[in-house]
PDB file of all heavy atoms in Angstrom:
ATOM      1  N   GLY A   1     161.741 121.993 153.259  1.00  0.00           N
ATOM      2  CA  GLY A   1     160.430 122.361 152.801  1.00  0.00           C
ATOM      3  C   GLY A   1     159.319 121.948 153.760  1.00  0.00           C
ATOM      4  O   GLY A   1     158.195 122.447 153.846  1.00  0.00           O
ATOM      5  N   ARG A   2     159.727 120.927 154.650  1.00  0.00           N
ATOM      6  CA  ARG A   2     158.821 120.448 155.665  1.00  0.00           C
ATOM      7  C   ARG A   2     158.944 121.001 157.066  1.00  0.00           C
ATOM      8  O   ARG A   2     157.996 121.000 157.882  1.00  0.00           O
ATOM      9  CB  ARG A   2     158.828 118.810 155.774  1.00  0.00           C
ATOM     10  CG  ARG A   2     158.191 118.142 154.625  1.00  0.00           C
ATOM     11  CD  ARG A   2     158.814 116.829 154.206  1.00  0.00           C
ATOM     12  NE  ARG A   2     157.965 116.208 153.143  1.00  0.00           N
ATOM     13  CZ  ARG A   2     158.097 116.493 151.888  1.00  0.00           C
ATOM     14  NH1 ARG A   2     159.120 117.572 151.517  1.00  0.00           N
ATOM     15  NH2 ARG A   2     157.449 115.908 150.911  1.00  0.00           N
ATOM     16  N   ILE A   3     160.235 121.398 157.394  1.00  0.00           N
ATOM     17  CA  ILE A   3     160.375 121.813 158.892  1.00  0.00           C
ATOM     18  C   ILE A   3     160.506 123.342 158.896  1.00  0.00           C
ATOM     19  O   ILE A   3     160.284 123.898 159.983  1.00  0.00           O
ATOM     20  CB  ILE A   3     161.764 121.223 159.328  1.00  0.00           C
ATOM     21  CG1 ILE A   3     162.972 121.792 158.587  1.00  0.00           C
ATOM     22  CG2 ILE A   3     161.809 119.786 159.237  1.00  0.00           C
ATOM     23  CD1 ILE A   3     164.140 121.357 159.234  1.00  0.00           C
ATOM     24  N   VAL A   4     160.563 124.176 157.806  1.00  0.00           N
ATOM     25  CA  VAL A   4     160.632 125.613 157.954  1.00  0.00           C
ATOM     26  C   VAL A   4     159.306 126.167 158.444  1.00  0.00           C
ATOM     27  O   VAL A   4     159.395 127.066 159.290  1.00  0.00           O
ATOM     28  CB  VAL A   4     160.907 126.155 156.489  1.00  0.00           C
ATOM     29  CG1 VAL A   4     160.425 127.630 156.319  1.00  0.00           C
ATOM     30  CG2 VAL A   4     162.403 126.189 156.131  1.00  0.00           C
ATOM     31  N   PRO A   5     158.064 125.588 158.133  1.00  0.00           N
ATOM     32  CA  PRO A   5     156.862 126.118 158.760  1.00  0.00           C
ATOM     33  C   PRO A   5     156.940 125.901 160.277  1.00  0.00           C
ATOM     34  O   PRO A   5     156.147 126.667 160.959  1.00  0.00           O
ATOM     35  CB  PRO A   5     155.820 125.301 158.142  1.00  0.00           C
ATOM     36  CG  PRO A   5     156.334 124.933 156.772  1.00  0.00           C
ATOM     37  CD  PRO A   5     157.814 124.647 157.078  1.00  0.00           C
ATOM     38  N   PHE A   6     157.628 124.882 160.837  1.00  0.00           N
ATOM     39  CA  PHE A   6     157.767 124.854 162.284  1.00  0.00           C
ATOM     40  C   PHE A   6     158.826 125.623 162.854  1.00  0.00           C
ATOM     41  O   PHE A   6     158.635 126.123 163.949  1.00  0.00           O
ATOM     42  CB  PHE A   6     158.052 123.288 162.542  1.00  0.00           C
ATOM     43  CG  PHE A   6     156.911 122.302 162.034  1.00  0.00           C
ATOM     44  CD1 PHE A   6     157.031 121.636 160.803  1.00  0.00           C
ATOM     45  CD2 PHE A   6     155.710 122.192 162.827  1.00  0.00           C
ATOM     46  CE1 PHE A   6     156.064 120.819 160.524  1.00  0.00           C
ATOM     47  CE2 PHE A   6     154.868 121.272 162.335  1.00  0.00           C
ATOM     48  CZ  PHE A   6     154.891 120.630 161.186  1.00  0.00           C
ATOM     49  N   LEU A   7     159.985 125.878 162.016  1.00  0.00           N
ATOM     50  CA  LEU A   7     160.957 126.695 162.588  1.00  0.00           C
ATOM     51  C   LEU A   7     160.660 128.113 162.498  1.00  0.00           C
ATOM     52  O   LEU A   7     161.047 128.859 163.400  1.00  0.00           O
ATOM     53  CB  LEU A   7     162.205 126.382 161.794  1.00  0.00           C
ATOM     54  CG  LEU A   7     162.928 125.046 161.961  1.00  0.00           C
ATOM     55  CD1 LEU A   7     164.157 124.978 161.018  1.00  0.00           C
ATOM     56  CD2 LEU A   7     163.491 124.772 163.383  1.00  0.00           C
ATOM     57  N   LYS A   8     159.970 128.634 161.433  1.00  0.00           N
ATOM     58  CA  LYS A   8     159.533 129.918 161.290  1.00  0.00           C
ATOM     59  C   LYS A   8     160.769 130.888 161.322  1.00  0.00           C
ATOM     60  O   LYS A   8     161.730 130.705 160.632  1.00  0.00           O
ATOM     61  CB  LYS A   8     158.472 130.241 162.272  1.00  0.00           C
ATOM     62  CG  LYS A   8     157.190 129.355 162.112  1.00  0.00           C
ATOM     63  CD  LYS A   8     156.194 129.790 163.110  1.00  0.00           C
ATOM     64  CE  LYS A   8     154.925 128.914 162.945  1.00  0.00           C
ATOM     65  NZ  LYS A   8     153.959 129.178 163.928  1.00  0.00           N
ATOM     66  N   TRP A   9     160.698 131.848 162.148  1.00  0.00           N
ATOM     67  CA  TRP A   9     161.886 132.789 162.371  1.00  0.00           C
ATOM     68  C   TRP A   9     163.102 132.029 162.818  1.00  0.00           C
ATOM     69  O   TRP A   9     164.328 132.588 162.732  1.00  0.00           O
ATOM     70  CB  TRP A   9     161.505 133.942 163.284  1.00  0.00           C
ATOM     71  CG  TRP A   9     160.564 134.969 162.823  1.00  0.00           C
ATOM     72  CD1 TRP A   9     159.168 134.854 162.915  1.00  0.00           C
ATOM     73  CD2 TRP A   9     160.844 136.085 161.961  1.00  0.00           C
ATOM     74  NE1 TRP A   9     158.609 135.858 162.274  1.00  0.00           N
ATOM     75  CE2 TRP A   9     159.528 136.708 161.728  1.00  0.00           C
ATOM     76  CE3 TRP A   9     162.008 136.596 161.450  1.00  0.00           C
ATOM     77  CZ2 TRP A   9     159.511 137.858 160.992  1.00  0.00           C
ATOM     78  CZ3 TRP A   9     161.895 137.885 160.813  1.00  0.00           C
ATOM     79  CH2 TRP A   9     160.636 138.510 160.453  1.00  0.00           C
ATOM     80  N   ASN A  10     162.937 130.955 163.559  1.00  0.00           N
ATOM     81  CA  ASN A  10     164.111 130.220 164.080  1.00  0.00           C
ATOM     82  C   ASN A  10     164.971 129.632 162.914  1.00  0.00           C
ATOM     83  O   ASN A  10     166.203 129.164 163.160  1.00  0.00           O
ATOM     84  CB  ASN A  10     163.605 129.157 165.039  1.00  0.00           C
ATOM     85  CG  ASN A  10     163.118 129.555 166.322  1.00  0.00           C
ATOM     86  OD1 ASN A  10     163.455 130.642 166.802  1.00  0.00           O
ATOM     87  ND2 ASN A  10     162.092 128.929 166.815  1.00  0.00           N
ATOM     88  N   THR A  11     164.449 129.644 161.756  1.00  0.00           N
ATOM     89  CA  THR A  11     165.299 129.162 160.586  1.00  0.00           C
ATOM     90  C   THR A  11     166.395 130.159 160.561  1.00  0.00           C
ATOM     91  O   THR A  11     167.672 129.560 160.014  1.00  0.00           O
ATOM     92  CB  THR A  11     164.428 129.278 159.262  1.00  0.00           C
ATOM     93  OG1 THR A  11     163.267 128.605 159.339  1.00  0.00           O
ATOM     94  CG2 THR A  11     165.262 128.851 158.139  1.00  0.00           C
ATOM     95  N   PHE A  12     166.518 131.286 160.783  1.00  0.00           N
ATOM     96  CA  PHE A  12     167.572 132.288 160.715  1.00  0.00           C
ATOM     97  C   PHE A  12     168.636 131.884 161.787  1.00  0.00           C
ATOM     98  O   PHE A  12     169.768 131.973 161.471  1.00  0.00           O
ATOM     99  CB  PHE A  12     167.156 133.736 160.842  1.00  0.00           C
ATOM    100  CG  PHE A  12     166.319 134.243 159.740  1.00  0.00           C
ATOM    101  CD1 PHE A  12     164.996 134.289 159.885  1.00  0.00           C
ATOM    102  CD2 PHE A  12     166.913 134.638 158.601  1.00  0.00           C
ATOM    103  CE1 PHE A  12     164.232 134.706 158.942  1.00  0.00           C
ATOM    104  CE2 PHE A  12     166.147 135.119 157.543  1.00  0.00           C
ATOM    105  CZ  PHE A  12     164.809 135.258 157.760  1.00  0.00           C
ATOM    106  N   ILE A  13     168.229 131.471 163.025  1.00  0.00           N
ATOM    107  CA  ILE A  13     169.051 130.959 163.910  1.00  0.00           C
ATOM    108  C   ILE A  13     169.850 129.734 163.488  1.00  0.00           C
ATOM    109  O   ILE A  13     170.999 129.525 163.752  1.00  0.00           O
ATOM    110  CB  ILE A  13     168.340 130.854 165.245  1.00  0.00           C
ATOM    111  CG1 ILE A  13     167.737 132.161 165.824  1.00  0.00           C
ATOM    112  CG2 ILE A  13     169.263 130.226 166.351  1.00  0.00           C
ATOM    113  CD1 ILE A  13     166.921 131.995 167.054  1.00  0.00           C
ATOM    114  N   PHE A  14     169.033 128.821 162.951  1.00  0.00           N
ATOM    115  CA  PHE A  14     169.648 127.576 162.369  1.00  0.00           C
ATOM    116  C   PHE A  14     170.741 127.872 161.348  1.00  0.00           C
ATOM    117  O   PHE A  14     171.761 127.357 161.327  1.00  0.00           O
ATOM    118  CB  PHE A  14     168.498 126.666 161.750  1.00  0.00           C
ATOM    119  CG  PHE A  14     169.046 125.637 160.870  1.00  0.00           C
ATOM    120  CD1 PHE A  14     169.641 124.466 161.444  1.00  0.00           C
ATOM    121  CD2 PHE A  14     169.187 125.706 159.544  1.00  0.00           C
ATOM    122  CE1 PHE A  14     170.098 123.479 160.642  1.00  0.00           C
ATOM    123  CE2 PHE A  14     169.754 124.766 158.544  1.00  0.00           C
ATOM    124  CZ  PHE A  14     170.203 123.641 159.304  1.00  0.00           C
ATOM    125  N   CYS A  15     170.293 128.866 160.414  1.00  0.00           N
ATOM    126  CA  CYS A  15     171.359 129.256 159.432  1.00  0.00           C
ATOM    127  C   CYS A  15     172.562 129.813 160.052  1.00  0.00           C
ATOM    128  O   CYS A  15     173.720 129.522 159.719  1.00  0.00           O
ATOM    129  CB  CYS A  15     170.797 130.307 158.526  1.00  0.00           C
ATOM    130  SG  CYS A  15     169.522 129.678 157.396  1.00  0.00           S
ATOM    131  N   SER A  16     172.431 130.711 161.087  1.00  0.00           N
ATOM    132  CA  SER A  16     173.572 131.314 161.720  1.00  0.00           C
ATOM    133  C   SER A  16     174.382 130.312 162.393  1.00  0.00           C
ATOM    134  O   SER A  16     175.651 130.451 162.176  1.00  0.00           O
ATOM    135  CB  SER A  16     172.955 132.301 162.740  1.00  0.00           C
ATOM    136  OG  SER A  16     174.047 132.842 163.510  1.00  0.00           O
ATOM    137  N   VAL A  17     173.860 129.432 163.221  1.00  0.00           N
ATOM    138  CA  VAL A  17     174.619 128.387 163.941  1.00  0.00           C
ATOM    139  C   VAL A  17     175.280 127.567 163.066  1.00  0.00           C
ATOM    140  O   VAL A  17     176.463 127.155 163.146  1.00  0.00           O
ATOM    141  CB  VAL A  17     173.623 127.742 164.925  1.00  0.00           C
ATOM    142  CG1 VAL A  17     174.479 126.534 165.639  1.00  0.00           C
ATOM    143  CG2 VAL A  17     173.126 128.687 165.963  1.00  0.00           C
ATOM    144  N   GLY A  18     174.600 127.156 161.827  1.00  0.00           N
ATOM    145  CA  GLY A  18     175.164 126.133 160.871  1.00  0.00           C
ATOM    146  C   GLY A  18     176.305 126.763 160.204  1.00  0.00           C
ATOM    147  O   GLY A  18     177.324 126.063 160.074  1.00  0.00           O
ATOM    148  N   LEU A  19     176.171 127.920 159.826  1.00  0.00           N
ATOM    149  CA  LEU A  19     177.274 128.664 159.110  1.00  0.00           C
ATOM    150  C   LEU A  19     178.454 128.911 160.007  1.00  0.00           C
ATOM    151  O   LEU A  19     179.716 128.634 159.582  1.00  0.00           O
ATOM    152  CB  LEU A  19     176.886 129.935 158.649  1.00  0.00           C
ATOM    153  CG  LEU A  19     175.728 129.938 157.366  1.00  0.00           C
ATOM    154  CD1 LEU A  19     175.454 131.325 156.885  1.00  0.00           C
ATOM    155  CD2 LEU A  19     176.438 129.121 156.200  1.00  0.00           C
ATOM    156  N   PHE A  20     178.272 129.251 161.287  1.00  0.00           N
ATOM    157  CA  PHE A  20     179.271 129.492 162.198  1.00  0.00           C
ATOM    158  C   PHE A  20     180.060 128.179 162.457  1.00  0.00           C
ATOM    159  O   PHE A  20     181.303 128.113 162.561  1.00  0.00           O
ATOM    160  CB  PHE A  20     178.732 130.062 163.581  1.00  0.00           C
ATOM    161  CG  PHE A  20     179.857 130.512 164.405  1.00  0.00           C
ATOM    162  CD1 PHE A  20     180.498 131.744 164.300  1.00  0.00           C
ATOM    163  CD2 PHE A  20     180.287 129.735 165.482  1.00  0.00           C
ATOM    164  CE1 PHE A  20     181.340 132.170 165.220  1.00  0.00           C
ATOM    165  CE2 PHE A  20     181.424 130.073 166.289  1.00  0.00           C
ATOM    166  CZ  PHE A  20     181.903 131.370 166.148  1.00  0.00           C
ATOM    167  N   ILE A  21     179.382 127.055 162.709  1.00  0.00           N
ATOM    168  CA  ILE A  21     180.044 125.839 163.070  1.00  0.00           C
ATOM    169  C   ILE A  21     180.713 125.312 161.745  1.00  0.00           C
ATOM    170  O   ILE A  21     181.873 124.834 161.890  1.00  0.00           O
ATOM    171  CB  ILE A  21     178.927 124.706 163.406  1.00  0.00           C
ATOM    172  CG1 ILE A  21     178.416 125.074 164.747  1.00  0.00           C
ATOM    173  CG2 ILE A  21     179.585 123.266 163.395  1.00  0.00           C
ATOM    174  CD1 ILE A  21     177.289 124.178 165.151  1.00  0.00           C
ATOM    175  N   THR A  22     180.154 125.451 160.557  1.00  0.00           N
ATOM    176  CA  THR A  22     180.912 125.100 159.314  1.00  0.00           C
ATOM    177  C   THR A  22     182.171 125.915 159.096  1.00  0.00           C
ATOM    178  O   THR A  22     183.233 125.274 158.754  1.00  0.00           O
ATOM    179  CB  THR A  22     179.985 125.366 158.072  1.00  0.00           C
ATOM    180  OG1 THR A  22     178.803 124.508 158.343  1.00  0.00           O
ATOM    181  CG2 THR A  22     180.636 124.945 156.824  1.00  0.00           C
ATOM    182  N   SER A  23     182.101 127.203 159.346  1.00  0.00           N
ATOM    183  CA  SER A  23     183.331 127.952 159.178  1.00  0.00           C
ATOM    184  C   SER A  23     184.432 127.625 160.221  1.00  0.00           C
ATOM    185  O   SER A  23     185.572 127.560 159.913  1.00  0.00           O
ATOM    186  CB  SER A  23     183.120 129.445 159.447  1.00  0.00           C
ATOM    187  OG  SER A  23     182.625 129.681 160.792  1.00  0.00           O
ATOM    188  N   TYR A  24     184.003 127.230 161.468  1.00  0.00           N
ATOM    189  CA  TYR A  24     185.027 126.727 162.363  1.00  0.00           C
ATOM    190  C   TYR A  24     185.615 125.350 161.883  1.00  0.00           C
ATOM    191  O   TYR A  24     186.851 125.331 162.118  1.00  0.00           O
ATOM    192  CB  TYR A  24     184.303 126.524 163.734  1.00  0.00           C
ATOM    193  CG  TYR A  24     185.124 125.961 164.876  1.00  0.00           C
ATOM    194  CD1 TYR A  24     186.033 126.746 165.388  1.00  0.00           C
ATOM    195  CD2 TYR A  24     185.170 124.663 165.254  1.00  0.00           C
ATOM    196  CE1 TYR A  24     186.955 126.178 166.525  1.00  0.00           C
ATOM    197  CE2 TYR A  24     185.927 124.045 166.114  1.00  0.00           C
ATOM    198  CZ  TYR A  24     186.808 124.932 166.819  1.00  0.00           C
ATOM    199  OH  TYR A  24     187.692 124.395 167.741  1.00  0.00           O
ATOM    200  N   ILE A  25     184.819 124.531 161.567  1.00  0.00           N
ATOM    201  CA  ILE A  25     185.386 123.177 161.082  1.00  0.00           C
ATOM    202  C   ILE A  25     186.345 123.281 159.897  1.00  0.00           C
ATOM    203  O   ILE A  25     187.396 122.686 159.884  1.00  0.00           O
ATOM    204  CB  ILE A  25     184.239 122.260 160.804  1.00  0.00           C
ATOM    205  CG1 ILE A  25     183.338 121.967 162.072  1.00  0.00           C
ATOM    206  CG2 ILE A  25     184.643 120.988 160.231  1.00  0.00           C
ATOM    207  CD1 ILE A  25     182.138 121.116 161.745  1.00  0.00           C
ATOM    208  N   ILE A  26     185.983 124.207 158.979  1.00  0.00           N
ATOM    209  CA  ILE A  26     186.799 124.373 157.797  1.00  0.00           C
ATOM    210  C   ILE A  26     188.049 124.929 158.049  1.00  0.00           C
ATOM    211  O   ILE A  26     189.183 124.472 157.587  1.00  0.00           O
ATOM    212  CB  ILE A  26     185.933 125.148 156.730  1.00  0.00           C
ATOM    213  CG1 ILE A  26     184.658 124.498 156.163  1.00  0.00           C
ATOM    214  CG2 ILE A  26     186.865 125.671 155.541  1.00  0.00           C
ATOM    215  CD1 ILE A  26     184.965 123.195 155.576  1.00  0.00           C
ATOM    216  N   ILE A  27     188.077 125.982 158.841  1.00  0.00           N
ATOM    217  CA  ILE A  27     189.367 126.595 159.217  1.00  0.00           C
ATOM    218  C   ILE A  27     190.244 125.826 160.101  1.00  0.00           C
ATOM    219  O   ILE A  27     191.415 125.867 159.960  1.00  0.00           O
ATOM    220  CB  ILE A  27     189.111 128.070 159.839  1.00  0.00           C
ATOM    221  CG1 ILE A  27     190.390 128.915 159.808  1.00  0.00           C
ATOM    222  CG2 ILE A  27     188.629 127.949 161.204  1.00  0.00           C
ATOM    223  CD1 ILE A  27     190.162 130.328 160.133  1.00  0.00           C
ATOM    224  N   LYS A  28     189.652 125.005 160.851  1.00  0.00           N
ATOM    225  CA  LYS A  28     190.352 124.128 161.814  1.00  0.00           C
ATOM    226  C   LYS A  28     191.056 122.922 161.085  1.00  0.00           C
ATOM    227  O   LYS A  28     192.095 122.542 161.300  1.00  0.00           O
ATOM    228  CB  LYS A  28     189.532 123.657 163.010  1.00  0.00           C
ATOM    229  CG  LYS A  28     190.322 122.920 164.032  1.00  0.00           C
ATOM    230  CD  LYS A  28     189.335 122.608 165.230  1.00  0.00           C
ATOM    231  CE  LYS A  28     190.061 121.583 166.283  1.00  0.00           C
ATOM    232  NZ  LYS A  28     191.158 122.250 166.873  1.00  0.00           N
ATOM    233  N   ASN A  29     190.251 122.312 160.159  1.00  0.00           N
ATOM    234  CA  ASN A  29     190.677 121.052 159.553  1.00  0.00           C
ATOM    235  C   ASN A  29     191.222 121.180 158.204  1.00  0.00           C
ATOM    236  O   ASN A  29     191.988 120.496 157.575  1.00  0.00           O
ATOM    237  CB  ASN A  29     189.568 120.114 159.450  1.00  0.00           C
ATOM    238  CG  ASN A  29     188.994 119.707 160.864  1.00  0.00           C
ATOM    239  OD1 ASN A  29     189.661 118.823 161.511  1.00  0.00           O
ATOM    240  ND2 ASN A  29     187.918 120.316 161.288  1.00  0.00           N
ATOM    241  N   PHE A  30     190.981 122.411 157.395  1.00  0.00           N
ATOM    242  CA  PHE A  30     191.411 122.532 156.090  1.00  0.00           C
ATOM    243  C   PHE A  30     192.182 123.707 155.746  1.00  0.00           C
ATOM    244  O   PHE A  30     193.128 123.648 154.871  1.00  0.00           O
ATOM    245  CB  PHE A  30     190.078 122.558 155.146  1.00  0.00           C
ATOM    246  CG  PHE A  30     189.329 121.188 155.225  1.00  0.00           C
ATOM    247  CD1 PHE A  30     188.191 121.200 156.028  1.00  0.00           C
ATOM    248  CD2 PHE A  30     189.819 120.041 154.592  1.00  0.00           C
ATOM    249  CE1 PHE A  30     187.431 119.989 156.042  1.00  0.00           C
ATOM    250  CE2 PHE A  30     189.019 118.908 154.545  1.00  0.00           C
ATOM    251  CZ  PHE A  30     187.785 118.901 155.405  1.00  0.00           C
ATOM    252  N   ILE A  31     191.813 124.858 156.277  1.00  0.00           N
ATOM    253  CA  ILE A  31     192.421 126.205 155.829  1.00  0.00           C
ATOM    254  C   ILE A  31     193.624 126.437 156.589  1.00  0.00           C
ATOM    255  O   ILE A  31     194.610 127.156 156.065  1.00  0.00           O
ATOM    256  CB  ILE A  31     191.387 127.213 155.981  1.00  0.00           C
ATOM    257  CG1 ILE A  31     190.170 126.897 155.360  1.00  0.00           C
ATOM    258  CG2 ILE A  31     191.967 128.632 155.415  1.00  0.00           C
ATOM    259  CD1 ILE A  31     190.287 126.650 153.823  1.00  0.00           C
TER     260      ILE A  31
END
């Protein structure tokens, strides 16, 4: 709620990178 106004469109890049890293960690360590 505080950093989205600063990230603006870059929020989508954050989501993309965050989801990609999460999927990599999950499949490597759990799946």
